[in-house]
Structure formats: structure tokens, C-alpha cells
Protein backbone atom coordinates (compact mmCIF):
# COMPACT_ATOMS: atom_id res chain seq x y z
CA ALA A 1 -39.14 23.78 21.11
CA PHE A 2 -42.31 25.80 20.12
CA VAL A 3 -43.47 24.88 16.68
CA PRO A 4 -46.19 26.76 14.68
CA TRP A 5 -49.27 25.04 14.05
CA HIS A 6 -49.93 25.43 9.78
CA GLY A 7 -52.34 22.48 8.46
CA ALA A 8 -51.78 18.82 9.47
CA TYR A 9 -49.07 19.03 11.97
CA ARG A 10 -46.41 16.16 11.59
CA VAL A 11 -45.28 15.05 15.03
CA SER A 12 -41.19 15.01 15.15
CA GLU A 13 -40.01 11.21 16.02
CA ASP A 14 -38.11 12.64 19.42
CA THR A 15 -41.43 14.26 20.59
CA ASP A 16 -42.29 13.57 24.45
CA LEU A 17 -45.19 15.57 24.94
CA LEU A 18 -47.92 17.09 22.55
CA ILE A 19 -50.28 18.94 24.22
CA ASN A 20 -53.80 20.65 22.30
CA ALA A 21 -53.99 23.84 24.72
CA THR A 22 -56.70 25.11 22.16
CA SER A 23 -60.51 24.97 22.12
CA ILE A 24 -60.66 22.53 19.20
CA GLY A 25 -63.04 19.63 20.40
CA LEU A 26 -64.72 21.84 23.24
CA TYR A 27 -68.31 21.10 23.44
CA PRO A 28 -70.35 21.41 21.92
CA ASP A 29 -68.10 20.56 18.69
CA VAL A 30 -66.98 17.45 19.98
CA ASP A 31 -65.92 15.95 16.77
CA ALA A 32 -63.61 18.72 16.02
CA VAL A 33 -59.99 17.58 15.93
CA PRO A 34 -56.90 19.52 15.85
CA GLU A 35 -55.44 19.10 12.36
CA VAL A 36 -52.50 16.65 13.42
CA ASP A 37 -50.95 13.73 11.10
CA PHE A 38 -51.55 11.20 13.37
CA ALA A 39 -49.66 9.00 11.76
CA THR A 40 -46.78 10.46 13.39
CA ILE A 41 -47.50 9.67 16.65
CA THR A 42 -45.55 6.90 18.51
CA PRO A 43 -46.26 4.55 21.69
CA GLY A 44 -43.58 6.29 23.44
CA MET A 45 -45.39 9.78 23.39
CA VAL A 46 -47.55 11.53 25.82
CA VAL A 47 -50.49 13.36 24.23
CA CYS A 48 -52.68 15.95 26.39
CA ASP A 49 -55.60 17.62 25.63
CA VAL A 50 -56.82 20.65 27.95
CA ILE A 51 -60.39 20.18 27.33
CA PRO A 52 -62.59 19.02 30.16
CA ASN A 53 -65.85 18.21 28.04
CA PRO A 54 -65.66 15.57 26.36
CA PRO A 55 -63.02 14.38 28.56
CA ASN A 56 -62.23 11.45 26.13
CA THR A 57 -61.98 13.84 22.83
CA PRO A 58 -61.18 12.47 19.41
CA PHE A 59 -58.13 14.08 19.62
CA LEU A 60 -56.95 11.41 22.66
CA ARG A 61 -58.90 8.64 20.96
CA GLN A 62 -56.59 8.79 17.80
CA ALA A 63 -53.42 9.55 19.53
CA ALA A 64 -54.35 6.35 22.03
CA ALA A 65 -54.91 4.04 18.90
CA ARG A 66 -51.51 4.96 17.78
CA GLY A 67 -49.95 3.90 21.17
CA ALA A 68 -49.42 6.96 23.04
CA LYS A 69 -50.01 7.70 26.68
CA THR A 70 -53.21 9.96 26.94
CA ILE A 71 -54.15 12.58 29.45
CA ASP A 72 -56.97 14.70 29.43
CA GLY A 73 -58.08 17.83 30.87
CA LEU A 74 -60.31 16.94 33.84
CA GLY A 75 -57.14 17.02 36.13
CA MET A 76 -56.86 20.80 35.10
CA LEU A 77 -60.23 21.79 35.47
CA VAL A 78 -60.33 20.43 39.09
CA TYR A 79 -57.45 22.05 40.09
CA GLN A 80 -58.30 25.10 38.89
CA GLY A 81 -61.41 25.34 40.90
CA ALA A 82 -59.51 23.27 44.23
CA ILE A 83 -57.36 26.65 44.21
CA ALA A 84 -60.36 28.99 43.61
CA PHE A 85 -62.19 26.98 46.12
CA THR A 86 -59.29 27.31 48.75
CA MET A 87 -58.50 30.95 47.87
CA TRP A 88 -62.32 32.30 48.53
CA THR A 89 -62.64 29.43 51.57
CA GLY A 90 -59.75 29.30 53.48
CA HIS A 91 -60.47 25.21 53.31
CA ASP A 92 -58.78 22.41 51.60
CA ALA A 93 -60.89 21.84 48.56
CA PRO A 94 -61.79 17.91 48.27
CA VAL A 95 -60.09 17.18 45.15
CA GLU A 96 -61.13 13.60 45.01
CA VAL A 97 -64.87 14.61 44.93
CA MET A 98 -64.59 17.12 42.58
CA HIS A 99 -62.64 14.75 39.91
CA LYS A 100 -65.34 12.20 40.53
CA ALA A 101 -68.37 14.81 40.19
CA LEU A 102 -66.86 15.70 37.00
CA ALA A 103 -65.78 12.89 35.57
CA ALA A 104 -69.49 11.68 36.53
CA GLU A 105 -70.79 14.73 34.89
CA PHE A 106 -68.83 14.72 31.48
CA GLY A 107 -68.56 10.97 31.35
CA GLY A 108 -64.62 10.50 31.74
């Protein structure tokens, strides 16, 4: 269910997936963190951040410190680029090469 985000968001204990789909934490504001009550994140949760730069955002680091499985935004950026590459060239995109290059560039 969609829940509006006001202030320090308390994550419900029955949450399976928490996603930061905002630009909070995107370069150059790499120290910015969405207002989440990180004490309410539990080890059974998966926490995602769509931010590709930096890949390991403070949001993800704090969630990982609480035991959550984390997923960074590099994959989304890679696959968006791969779709565009294929549409423009008619060839399959070198997804692994693209991911490796972005990870090297952004430190992921």
C-alpha cells in the first residue's frame, strides 16, 4: 500500500520492501538521507535505493547496519541504458561491461 512520507517515517513491521525512489542522496548531495526511523528497519526487509551515484548511499548503509538486504540503483541505470542501446542500435547491450564500468566510475 502507498503511504505518504511525512517526517521520520516509521517502517511498518510487516514491510517486506522499502524503496527510496526520490533524488535524496544523489550526487552532489551525497550525505542527504530520507527521513526514516531506521530503528524500525528489521533484518527481514529488502531496502532499495534508485540513486546510482553514489551506489552505496547513507540510506542503504543505515539499512544494512540494521540487517536489511540492500539493493543499489546501479542496476536500474544499467538496464535503462541497455534498453536505449538496443533500441538505437538493434544490438544487445553489453550489460555486464556497462555495469562494471559504472561501478568503477561511481565506486560501487
